[in-house]
Amino acid sequence: MALALSLTLHAGLVAGWRAHAPPPPAPMATSSAPLQISFAAAPHPKTHAETDHAKPRPTRIAATPPDAAKNRNAPVADSAPPAAEAPSASMPAPPAPTAEEWKLASTYTLKNSKRYRYTWAQQVRSMMGTAVEGPQQGMVRLHIEIAPDGRLAKADVLWSTSETAEKLALQAIRSLPPLPPTPTGKPLVFDKTIAFMPYETGWPPVYKYDCIPDPPSFHNRFAQNGAATRATPREPAEGDASGTDCSPDDTADSIEAEEKDMQRQFKEWGAGRLNGVE
């Protein structure tokens, strides 16, 4: 009985395995074509930079607040208002010289009528108007000839750094009021630079050194055919204080002139000394 039972069990297992076994593979079709084998080249090793570049970079998605998600279609306002532009620097024209200043200028004979020349330039600058920062600012250099009676005889522009400054200066010169006669009673010829800038109206001259005679100009004694000539005494030049009486009242300086003179000396010598250059 045991043998019969064992044989029956093994027969059932063999029958079940045959029922669930996969079908045998189909026979391979024979072909007359020869077998071909291709060898591919080994891939070139990539560097770290190429490897990092090839890797996909994770994208960061910022979380959208609920209020912004609701108003996504609303117009976005600027975060900060645009900064207002700084106003351009400007300086009004200086006041015209007073009658007292013209009186002193018409009697000052030293240094080629130095006070008359400065007062004339201040009169022209006061008629040019307000100077504003920008391309219209600049300076103009003029060659002036004034007749003995104070009338303008000639005015030529030597150079200028601004067409606006040149135009305003010439317009002011044509509109000058009647001026007092020249101090020496002779034609007054000089060159003058007028500044049309928002930070400069012209430096007041210093008169305290005008009583000191000018040093004699260099004269070569051997200039005539190589022969020595006897030195002749120097004659005082026109407007020189060495041959005239110089009153201290005529050369008194204003506080503004003294201040400007100190600023000029500091700009010329102070910067070098501060940097250790003597």
C-alpha atoms as a PDB file:
ATOM      1  CA  MET A   1       0.000   0.000   0.000  1.00  0.00           C
ATOM      2  CA  ALA A   2       2.773   2.369   0.837  1.00  0.00           C
ATOM      3  CA  LEU A   3       4.492   1.710  -2.470  1.00  0.00           C
ATOM      4  CA  ALA A   4       1.291   2.239  -4.441  1.00  0.00           C
ATOM      5  CA  LEU A   5       0.607   5.495  -2.621  1.00  0.00           C
ATOM      6  CA  SER A   6       4.145   6.785  -3.316  1.00  0.00           C
ATOM      7  CA  LEU A   7       3.949   5.955  -7.011  1.00  0.00           C
ATOM      8  CA  THR A   8       0.552   7.677  -7.313  1.00  0.00           C
ATOM      9  CA  LEU A   9       1.887  10.843  -5.644  1.00  0.00           C
ATOM     10  CA  HIS A  10       4.960  11.092  -7.859  1.00  0.00           C
ATOM     11  CA  ALA A  11       2.874  10.505 -10.989  1.00  0.00           C
ATOM     12  CA  GLY A  12       0.578  13.423 -10.035  1.00  0.00           C
ATOM     13  CA  LEU A  13       3.539  15.779  -9.494  1.00  0.00           C
ATOM     14  CA  VAL A  14       5.077  14.875 -12.872  1.00  0.00           C
ATOM     15  CA  ALA A  15       1.753  15.478 -14.651  1.00  0.00           C
ATOM     16  CA  GLY A  16       1.296  18.916 -13.020  1.00  0.00           C
ATOM     17  CA  TRP A  17       4.838  20.014 -13.949  1.00  0.00           C
ATOM     18  CA  ARG A  18       4.282  19.055 -17.592  1.00  0.00           C
ATOM     19  CA  ALA A  19       1.040  21.072 -17.648  1.00  0.00           C
ATOM     20  CA  HIS A  20       2.682  24.305 -16.354  1.00  0.00           C
ATOM     21  CA  ALA A  21       6.078  23.967 -18.066  1.00  0.00           C
ATOM     22  CA  PRO A  22       6.866  26.711 -20.707  1.00  0.00           C
ATOM     23  CA  PRO A  23       6.801  25.672 -24.322  1.00  0.00           C
ATOM     24  CA  PRO A  24      10.135  24.746 -25.821  1.00  0.00           C
ATOM     25  CA  PRO A  25      11.929  27.536 -27.736  1.00  0.00           C
ATOM     26  CA  ALA A  26      11.464  27.696 -31.483  1.00  0.00           C
ATOM     27  CA  PRO A  27      14.366  26.409 -33.462  1.00  0.00           C
ATOM     28  CA  MET A  28      16.722  29.156 -34.705  1.00  0.00           C
ATOM     29  CA  ALA A  29      16.522  29.903 -38.387  1.00  0.00           C
ATOM     30  CA  THR A  30      19.685  29.183 -40.151  1.00  0.00           C
ATOM     31  CA  SER A  31      21.144  31.883 -42.302  1.00  0.00           C
ATOM     32  CA  SER A  32      23.860  31.766 -44.794  1.00  0.00           C
ATOM     33  CA  ALA A  33      25.107  35.312 -43.922  1.00  0.00           C
ATOM     34  CA  PRO A  34      28.411  35.339 -42.029  1.00  0.00           C
ATOM     35  CA  LEU A  35      28.500  36.513 -38.466  1.00  0.00           C
ATOM     36  CA  GLN A  36      29.779  40.169 -38.152  1.00  0.00           C
ATOM     37  CA  ILE A  37      31.186  41.602 -34.933  1.00  0.00           C
ATOM     38  CA  SER A  38      32.010  45.411 -34.569  1.00  0.00           C
ATOM     39  CA  PHE A  39      34.260  46.786 -31.867  1.00  0.00           C
ATOM     40  CA  ALA A  40      33.347  50.298 -30.536  1.00  0.00           C
ATOM     41  CA  ALA A  41      35.995  52.636 -29.155  1.00  0.00           C
ATOM     42  CA  ALA A  42      36.103  53.043 -25.426  1.00  0.00           C
ATOM     43  CA  PRO A  43      34.361  56.248 -24.260  1.00  0.00           C
ATOM     44  CA  HIS A  44      36.625  59.150 -23.265  1.00  0.00           C
ATOM     45  CA  PRO A  45      36.613  59.705 -19.487  1.00  0.00           C
ATOM     46  CA  LYS A  46      34.793  62.888 -18.543  1.00  0.00           C
ATOM     47  CA  THR A  47      36.297  65.515 -16.329  1.00  0.00           C
ATOM     48  CA  HIS A  48      34.691  66.800 -13.166  1.00  0.00           C
ATOM     49  CA  ALA A  49      33.510  69.963 -14.941  1.00  0.00           C
ATOM     50  CA  GLU A  50      31.823  67.959 -17.702  1.00  0.00           C
ATOM     51  CA  THR A  51      30.327  65.587 -15.183  1.00  0.00           C
ATOM     52  CA  ASP A  52      28.939  68.459 -13.091  1.00  0.00           C
ATOM     53  CA  HIS A  53      27.621  70.163 -16.210  1.00  0.00           C
ATOM     54  CA  ALA A  54      25.930  66.984 -17.397  1.00  0.00           C
ATOM     55  CA  LYS A  55      24.214  66.396 -14.080  1.00  0.00           C
ATOM     56  CA  PRO A  56      20.760  67.922 -13.929  1.00  0.00           C
ATOM     57  CA  ARG A  57      20.658  70.756 -11.450  1.00  0.00           C
ATOM     58  CA  PRO A  58      17.775  70.785  -9.049  1.00  0.00           C
ATOM     59  CA  THR A  59      15.421  73.694  -9.515  1.00  0.00           C
ATOM     60  CA  ARG A  60      14.311  75.653  -6.504  1.00  0.00           C
ATOM     61  CA  ILE A  61      10.694  76.667  -6.359  1.00  0.00           C
ATOM     62  CA  ALA A  62       9.977  79.448  -3.942  1.00  0.00           C
ATOM     63  CA  ALA A  63       6.901  79.021  -1.902  1.00  0.00           C
ATOM     64  CA  THR A  64       4.199  81.466  -2.927  1.00  0.00           C
ATOM     65  CA  PRO A  65       2.374  83.083  -0.043  1.00  0.00           C
ATOM     66  CA  PRO A  66      -1.391  82.687  -0.140  1.00  0.00           C
ATOM     67  CA  ASP A  67      -2.020  86.436  -0.551  1.00  0.00           C
ATOM     68  CA  ALA A  68       0.332  86.659  -3.516  1.00  0.00           C
ATOM     69  CA  ALA A  69      -1.265  83.615  -5.127  1.00  0.00           C
ATOM     70  CA  LYS A  70      -4.659  85.270  -4.950  1.00  0.00           C
ATOM     71  CA  ASN A  71      -3.461  88.561  -6.439  1.00  0.00           C
ATOM     72  CA  ARG A  72      -1.180  87.011  -9.056  1.00  0.00           C
ATOM     73  CA  ASN A  73      -2.864  88.908 -11.897  1.00  0.00           C
ATOM     74  CA  ALA A  74      -2.781  92.279 -10.080  1.00  0.00           C
ATOM     75  CA  PRO A  75      -0.243  94.901 -11.280  1.00  0.00           C
ATOM     76  CA  VAL A  76       3.013  94.925  -9.337  1.00  0.00           C
ATOM     77  CA  ALA A  77       3.955  98.313  -7.857  1.00  0.00           C
ATOM     78  CA  ASP A  78       7.542  99.527  -7.631  1.00  0.00           C
ATOM     79  CA  SER A  79       9.238  98.633  -4.394  1.00  0.00           C
ATOM     80  CA  ALA A  80      10.798 102.083  -3.955  1.00  0.00           C
ATOM     81  CA  PRO A  81      10.037 105.439  -5.605  1.00  0.00           C
ATOM     82  CA  PRO A  82      12.722 106.748  -8.011  1.00  0.00           C
ATOM     83  CA  ALA A  83      15.287 109.002  -6.388  1.00  0.00           C
ATOM     84  CA  ALA A  84      14.846 112.657  -7.237  1.00  0.00           C
ATOM     85  CA  GLU A  85      17.663 114.221  -9.238  1.00  0.00           C
ATOM     86  CA  ALA A  86      19.852 116.676  -7.344  1.00  0.00           C
ATOM     87  CA  PRO A  87      19.335 120.268  -8.482  1.00  0.00           C
ATOM     88  CA  SER A  88      22.151 121.824 -10.473  1.00  0.00           C
ATOM     89  CA  ALA A  89      24.441 124.212  -8.612  1.00  0.00           C
ATOM     90  CA  SER A  90      23.982 127.863  -9.428  1.00  0.00           C
ATOM     91  CA  MET A  91      25.335 131.240  -8.364  1.00  0.00           C
ATOM     92  CA  PRO A  92      23.648 134.592  -8.973  1.00  0.00           C
ATOM     93  CA  ALA A  93      25.579 137.368 -10.618  1.00  0.00           C
ATOM     94  CA  PRO A  94      27.568 139.580  -8.229  1.00  0.00           C
ATOM     95  CA  PRO A  95      26.258 143.097  -7.626  1.00  0.00           C
ATOM     96  CA  ALA A  96      27.455 145.836  -9.914  1.00  0.00           C
ATOM     97  CA  PRO A  97      30.205 148.123  -8.568  1.00  0.00           C
ATOM     98  CA  THR A  98      28.919 151.094  -6.630  1.00  0.00           C
ATOM     99  CA  ALA A  99      29.601 154.740  -7.433  1.00  0.00           C
ATOM    100  CA  GLU A 100      32.155 154.832  -4.618  1.00  0.00           C
ATOM    101  CA  GLU A 101      34.059 151.880  -6.065  1.00  0.00           C
ATOM    102  CA  TRP A 102      34.104 153.481  -9.510  1.00  0.00           C
ATOM    103  CA  LYS A 103      35.383 156.707  -7.959  1.00  0.00           C
ATOM    104  CA  LEU A 104      38.322 154.869  -6.376  1.00  0.00           C
ATOM    105  CA  ALA A 105      38.975 152.972  -9.608  1.00  0.00           C
ATOM    106  CA  SER A 106      39.055 156.114 -11.747  1.00  0.00           C
ATOM    107  CA  THR A 107      41.836 157.604  -9.599  1.00  0.00           C
ATOM    108  CA  TYR A 108      44.032 154.507  -9.164  1.00  0.00           C
ATOM    109  CA  THR A 109      47.034 154.889 -11.476  1.00  0.00           C
ATOM    110  CA  LEU A 110      49.265 152.095 -10.145  1.00  0.00           C
ATOM    111  CA  LYS A 111      49.971 148.860 -12.003  1.00  0.00           C
ATOM    112  CA  ASN A 112      48.293 149.870 -15.264  1.00  0.00           C
ATOM    113  CA  SER A 113      45.125 151.104 -13.513  1.00  0.00           C
ATOM    114  CA  LYS A 114      44.714 147.831 -11.658  1.00  0.00           C
ATOM    115  CA  ARG A 115      41.576 148.807  -9.741  1.00  0.00           C
ATOM    116  CA  TYR A 116      39.877 150.169 -12.870  1.00  0.00           C
ATOM    117  CA  ARG A 117      40.486 146.901 -14.723  1.00  0.00           C
ATOM    118  CA  TYR A 118      39.016 144.780 -11.923  1.00  0.00           C
ATOM    119  CA  THR A 119      35.991 147.059 -11.485  1.00  0.00           C
ATOM    120  CA  TRP A 120      35.336 146.949 -15.234  1.00  0.00           C
ATOM    121  CA  ALA A 121      35.352 143.126 -15.177  1.00  0.00           C
ATOM    122  CA  GLN A 122      32.971 143.057 -12.203  1.00  0.00           C
ATOM    123  CA  GLN A 123      30.598 145.372 -14.069  1.00  0.00           C
ATOM    124  CA  VAL A 124      30.565 143.001 -17.054  1.00  0.00           C
ATOM    125  CA  ARG A 125      30.099 139.896 -14.881  1.00  0.00           C
ATOM    126  CA  SER A 126      27.170 141.458 -13.009  1.00  0.00           C
ATOM    127  CA  MET A 127      25.371 141.942 -16.339  1.00  0.00           C
ATOM    128  CA  MET A 128      25.871 138.316 -17.481  1.00  0.00           C
ATOM    129  CA  GLY A 129      23.285 136.891 -15.094  1.00  0.00           C
ATOM    130  CA  THR A 130      23.150 133.692 -13.021  1.00  0.00           C
ATOM    131  CA  ALA A 131      25.689 130.947 -13.735  1.00  0.00           C
ATOM    132  CA  VAL A 132      24.275 127.407 -13.679  1.00  0.00           C
ATOM    133  CA  GLU A 133      26.244 124.173 -13.542  1.00  0.00           C
ATOM    134  CA  GLY A 134      26.424 122.414 -16.880  1.00  0.00           C
ATOM    135  CA  PRO A 135      27.841 122.786 -20.389  1.00  0.00           C
ATOM    136  CA  GLN A 136      27.011 126.495 -20.436  1.00  0.00           C
ATOM    137  CA  GLN A 137      29.473 127.342 -17.667  1.00  0.00           C
ATOM    138  CA  GLY A 138      33.030 128.350 -18.525  1.00  0.00           C
ATOM    139  CA  MET A 139      35.490 131.215 -18.901  1.00  0.00           C
ATOM    140  CA  VAL A 140      36.211 133.773 -21.586  1.00  0.00           C
ATOM    141  CA  ARG A 141      39.468 135.689 -22.160  1.00  0.00           C
ATOM    142  CA  LEU A 142      39.119 139.177 -23.667  1.00  0.00           C
ATOM    143  CA  HIS A 143      41.495 141.774 -25.088  1.00  0.00           C
ATOM    144  CA  ILE A 144      40.112 145.205 -24.161  1.00  0.00           C
ATOM    145  CA  GLU A 145      41.020 148.748 -25.204  1.00  0.00           C
ATOM    146  CA  ILE A 146      39.282 151.636 -23.441  1.00  0.00           C
ATOM    147  CA  ALA A 147      39.470 155.218 -24.708  1.00  0.00           C
ATOM    148  CA  PRO A 148      40.569 158.009 -22.323  1.00  0.00           C
ATOM    149  CA  ASP A 149      36.974 159.150 -21.877  1.00  0.00           C
ATOM    150  CA  GLY A 150      35.849 155.670 -20.735  1.00  0.00           C
ATOM    151  CA  ARG A 151      34.260 154.511 -24.000  1.00  0.00           C
ATOM    152  CA  LEU A 152      35.024 151.012 -25.257  1.00  0.00           C
ATOM    153  CA  ALA A 153      37.351 151.194 -28.246  1.00  0.00           C
ATOM    154  CA  LYS A 154      37.987 147.496 -28.893  1.00  0.00           C
ATOM    155  CA  ALA A 155      36.977 144.101 -27.517  1.00  0.00           C
ATOM    156  CA  ASP A 156      38.339 140.861 -28.965  1.00  0.00           C
ATOM    157  CA  VAL A 157      37.809 137.303 -27.701  1.00  0.00           C
ATOM    158  CA  LEU A 158      41.162 135.552 -27.268  1.00  0.00           C
ATOM    159  CA  TRP A 159      39.678 132.212 -26.181  1.00  0.00           C
ATOM    160  CA  SER A 160      36.668 130.812 -24.388  1.00  0.00           C
ATOM    161  CA  THR A 161      35.577 127.478 -22.907  1.00  0.00           C
ATOM    162  CA  SER A 162      31.844 128.069 -23.338  1.00  0.00           C
ATOM    163  CA  GLU A 163      29.840 129.540 -26.175  1.00  0.00           C
ATOM    164  CA  THR A 164      27.222 130.724 -23.691  1.00  0.00           C
ATOM    165  CA  ALA A 165      29.805 132.564 -21.582  1.00  0.00           C
ATOM    166  CA  GLU A 166      31.284 134.198 -24.681  1.00  0.00           C
ATOM    167  CA  LYS A 167      27.878 135.279 -25.965  1.00  0.00           C
ATOM    168  CA  LEU A 168      26.786 136.735 -22.609  1.00  0.00           C
ATOM    169  CA  ALA A 169      30.098 138.556 -22.122  1.00  0.00           C
ATOM    170  CA  LEU A 170      29.950 140.239 -25.533  1.00  0.00           C
ATOM    171  CA  GLN A 171      26.302 141.135 -24.997  1.00  0.00           C
ATOM    172  CA  ALA A 172      27.128 142.723 -21.617  1.00  0.00           C
ATOM    173  CA  ILE A 173      30.056 144.678 -23.091  1.00  0.00           C
ATOM    174  CA  ARG A 174      27.811 146.163 -25.788  1.00  0.00           C
ATOM    175  CA  SER A 175      25.299 147.218 -23.098  1.00  0.00           C
ATOM    176  CA  LEU A 176      27.756 148.819 -20.675  1.00  0.00           C
ATOM    177  CA  PRO A 177      26.632 152.115 -19.142  1.00  0.00           C
ATOM    178  CA  PRO A 178      28.829 155.231 -19.471  1.00  0.00           C
ATOM    179  CA  LEU A 179      32.021 154.640 -17.495  1.00  0.00           C
ATOM    180  CA  PRO A 180      34.338 157.218 -15.880  1.00  0.00           C
ATOM    181  CA  PRO A 181      37.524 158.288 -17.704  1.00  0.00           C
ATOM    182  CA  THR A 182      40.684 156.225 -17.338  1.00  0.00           C
ATOM    183  CA  PRO A 183      42.920 157.135 -14.372  1.00  0.00           C
ATOM    184  CA  THR A 184      45.910 158.172 -16.498  1.00  0.00           C
ATOM    185  CA  GLY A 185      43.972 160.083 -19.155  1.00  0.00           C
ATOM    186  CA  LYS A 186      45.385 157.744 -21.790  1.00  0.00           C
ATOM    187  CA  PRO A 187      44.002 154.651 -23.557  1.00  0.00           C
ATOM    188  CA  LEU A 188      43.859 151.639 -21.266  1.00  0.00           C
ATOM    189  CA  VAL A 189      44.849 148.334 -22.873  1.00  0.00           C
ATOM    190  CA  PHE A 190      44.649 145.044 -20.978  1.00  0.00           C
ATOM    191  CA  ASP A 191      43.601 141.360 -21.134  1.00  0.00           C
ATOM    192  CA  LYS A 192      40.975 140.048 -18.763  1.00  0.00           C
ATOM    193  CA  THR A 193      39.487 136.622 -17.994  1.00  0.00           C
ATOM    194  CA  ILE A 194      35.852 136.538 -16.875  1.00  0.00           C
ATOM    195  CA  ALA A 195      34.602 133.415 -15.056  1.00  0.00           C
ATOM    196  CA  PHE A 196      30.997 132.369 -15.646  1.00  0.00           C
ATOM    197  CA  MET A 197      30.777 129.521 -13.115  1.00  0.00           C
ATOM    198  CA  PRO A 198      28.485 128.535 -10.235  1.00  0.00           C
ATOM    199  CA  TYR A 199      31.358 128.649  -7.732  1.00  0.00           C
ATOM    200  CA  GLU A 200      33.597 131.507  -8.923  1.00  0.00           C
ATOM    201  CA  THR A 201      32.998 135.173  -9.753  1.00  0.00           C
ATOM    202  CA  GLY A 202      36.562 136.456  -9.939  1.00  0.00           C
ATOM    203  CA  TRP A 203      39.311 136.945  -7.390  1.00  0.00           C
ATOM    204  CA  PRO A 204      39.572 140.407  -5.828  1.00  0.00           C
ATOM    205  CA  PRO A 205      43.084 141.758  -6.411  1.00  0.00           C
ATOM    206  CA  VAL A 206      45.461 142.615  -3.585  1.00  0.00           C
ATOM    207  CA  TYR A 207      46.726 146.200  -3.624  1.00  0.00           C
ATOM    208  CA  LYS A 208      49.059 146.275  -0.603  1.00  0.00           C
ATOM    209  CA  TYR A 209      52.145 145.469  -2.706  1.00  0.00           C
ATOM    210  CA  ASP A 210      51.460 147.997  -5.454  1.00  0.00           C
ATOM    211  CA  CYS A 211      53.650 150.685  -3.852  1.00  0.00           C
ATOM    212  CA  ILE A 212      56.711 148.460  -4.215  1.00  0.00           C
ATOM    213  CA  PRO A 213      58.556 149.266  -7.458  1.00  0.00           C
ATOM    214  CA  ASP A 214      58.716 146.548 -10.060  1.00  0.00           C
ATOM    215  CA  PRO A 215      62.104 144.832 -10.335  1.00  0.00           C
ATOM    216  CA  PRO A 216      64.160 146.009 -13.325  1.00  0.00           C
ATOM    217  CA  SER A 217      63.799 143.892 -16.391  1.00  0.00           C
ATOM    218  CA  PHE A 218      66.809 141.930 -17.641  1.00  0.00           C
ATOM    219  CA  HIS A 219      69.037 143.831 -20.051  1.00  0.00           C
ATOM    220  CA  ASN A 220      71.991 142.262 -21.814  1.00  0.00           C
ATOM    221  CA  ARG A 221      74.861 144.765 -21.901  1.00  0.00           C
ATOM    222  CA  PHE A 222      76.655 142.824 -24.648  1.00  0.00           C
ATOM    223  CA  ALA A 223      73.730 142.760 -27.060  1.00  0.00           C
ATOM    224  CA  GLN A 224      75.116 145.437 -29.419  1.00  0.00           C
ATOM    225  CA  ASN A 225      77.896 143.964 -31.588  1.00  0.00           C
ATOM    226  CA  GLY A 226      79.481 142.265 -28.612  1.00  0.00           C
ATOM    227  CA  ALA A 227      80.633 145.592 -27.132  1.00  0.00           C
ATOM    228  CA  ALA A 228      79.883 146.507 -23.533  1.00  0.00           C
ATOM    229  CA  THR A 229      77.552 149.436 -23.005  1.00  0.00           C
ATOM    230  CA  ARG A 230      77.249 151.587 -19.939  1.00  0.00           C
ATOM    231  CA  ALA A 231      74.164 150.850 -17.899  1.00  0.00           C
ATOM    232  CA  THR A 232      71.683 153.687 -17.887  1.00  0.00           C
ATOM    233  CA  PRO A 233      69.402 154.380 -14.935  1.00  0.00           C
ATOM    234  CA  ARG A 234      65.995 152.823 -15.338  1.00  0.00           C
ATOM    235  CA  GLU A 235      63.182 155.258 -15.856  1.00  0.00           C
ATOM    236  CA  PRO A 236      59.948 154.583 -14.034  1.00  0.00           C
ATOM    237  CA  ALA A 237      57.467 152.863 -16.290  1.00  0.00           C
ATOM    238  CA  GLU A 238      53.936 154.046 -16.803  1.00  0.00           C
ATOM    239  CA  GLY A 239      51.842 153.218 -13.750  1.00  0.00           C
ATOM    240  CA  ASP A 240      54.947 152.421 -11.657  1.00  0.00           C
ATOM    241  CA  ALA A 241      54.905 153.577  -8.035  1.00  0.00           C
ATOM    242  CA  SER A 242      58.663 154.152  -7.802  1.00  0.00           C
ATOM    243  CA  GLY A 243      58.462 157.686  -9.198  1.00  0.00           C
ATOM    244  CA  THR A 244      55.123 158.754  -7.671  1.00  0.00           C
ATOM    245  CA  ASP A 245      53.750 159.304  -4.219  1.00  0.00           C
ATOM    246  CA  CYS A 246      51.889 156.211  -3.042  1.00  0.00           C
ATOM    247  CA  SER A 247      49.226 156.748  -0.431  1.00  0.00           C
ATOM    248  CA  PRO A 248      48.460 153.864   1.929  1.00  0.00           C
ATOM    249  CA  ASP A 249      44.741 154.591   1.613  1.00  0.00           C
ATOM    250  CA  ASP A 250      44.849 153.822  -2.090  1.00  0.00           C
ATOM    251  CA  THR A 251      46.271 150.351  -1.499  1.00  0.00           C
ATOM    252  CA  ALA A 252      43.987 149.302   1.370  1.00  0.00           C
ATOM    253  CA  ASP A 253      42.555 145.848   0.834  1.00  0.00           C
ATOM    254  CA  SER A 254      39.130 144.564   1.809  1.00  0.00           C
ATOM    255  CA  ILE A 255      38.551 141.587   4.069  1.00  0.00           C
ATOM    256  CA  GLU A 256      37.312 139.564   1.086  1.00  0.00           C
ATOM    257  CA  ALA A 257      40.499 140.277  -0.833  1.00  0.00           C
ATOM    258  CA  GLU A 258      42.668 139.200   2.100  1.00  0.00           C
ATOM    259  CA  GLU A 259      40.635 136.015   2.520  1.00  0.00           C
ATOM    260  CA  LYS A 260      40.859 135.142  -1.170  1.00  0.00           C
ATOM    261  CA  ASP A 261      44.597 135.798  -1.161  1.00  0.00           C
ATOM    262  CA  MET A 262      45.070 133.405   1.764  1.00  0.00           C
ATOM    263  CA  GLN A 263      43.003 130.741   0.003  1.00  0.00           C
ATOM    264  CA  ARG A 264      45.063 131.164  -3.147  1.00  0.00           C
ATOM    265  CA  GLN A 265      48.329 130.751  -1.229  1.00  0.00           C
ATOM    266  CA  PHE A 266      47.013 127.668   0.585  1.00  0.00           C
ATOM    267  CA  LYS A 267      46.000 126.033  -2.707  1.00  0.00           C
ATOM    268  CA  GLU A 268      49.420 126.743  -4.219  1.00  0.00           C
ATOM    269  CA  TRP A 269      51.587 125.774  -1.237  1.00  0.00           C
ATOM    270  CA  GLY A 270      49.433 123.979   1.327  1.00  0.00           C
ATOM    271  CA  ALA A 271      48.806 120.794  -0.652  1.00  0.00           C
ATOM    272  CA  GLY A 272      52.527 120.217  -1.265  1.00  0.00           C
ATOM    273  CA  ARG A 273      53.406 120.700   2.375  1.00  0.00           C
ATOM    274  CA  LEU A 274      50.635 118.402   3.547  1.00  0.00           C
ATOM    275  CA  ASN A 275      52.025 115.677   1.278  1.00  0.00           C
ATOM    276  CA  GLY A 276      55.525 116.130   2.659  1.00  0.00           C
ATOM    277  CA  VAL A 277      56.840 118.044  -0.365  1.00  0.00           C
ATOM    278  CA  GLU A 278      58.643 121.287   0.382  1.00  0.00           C
END
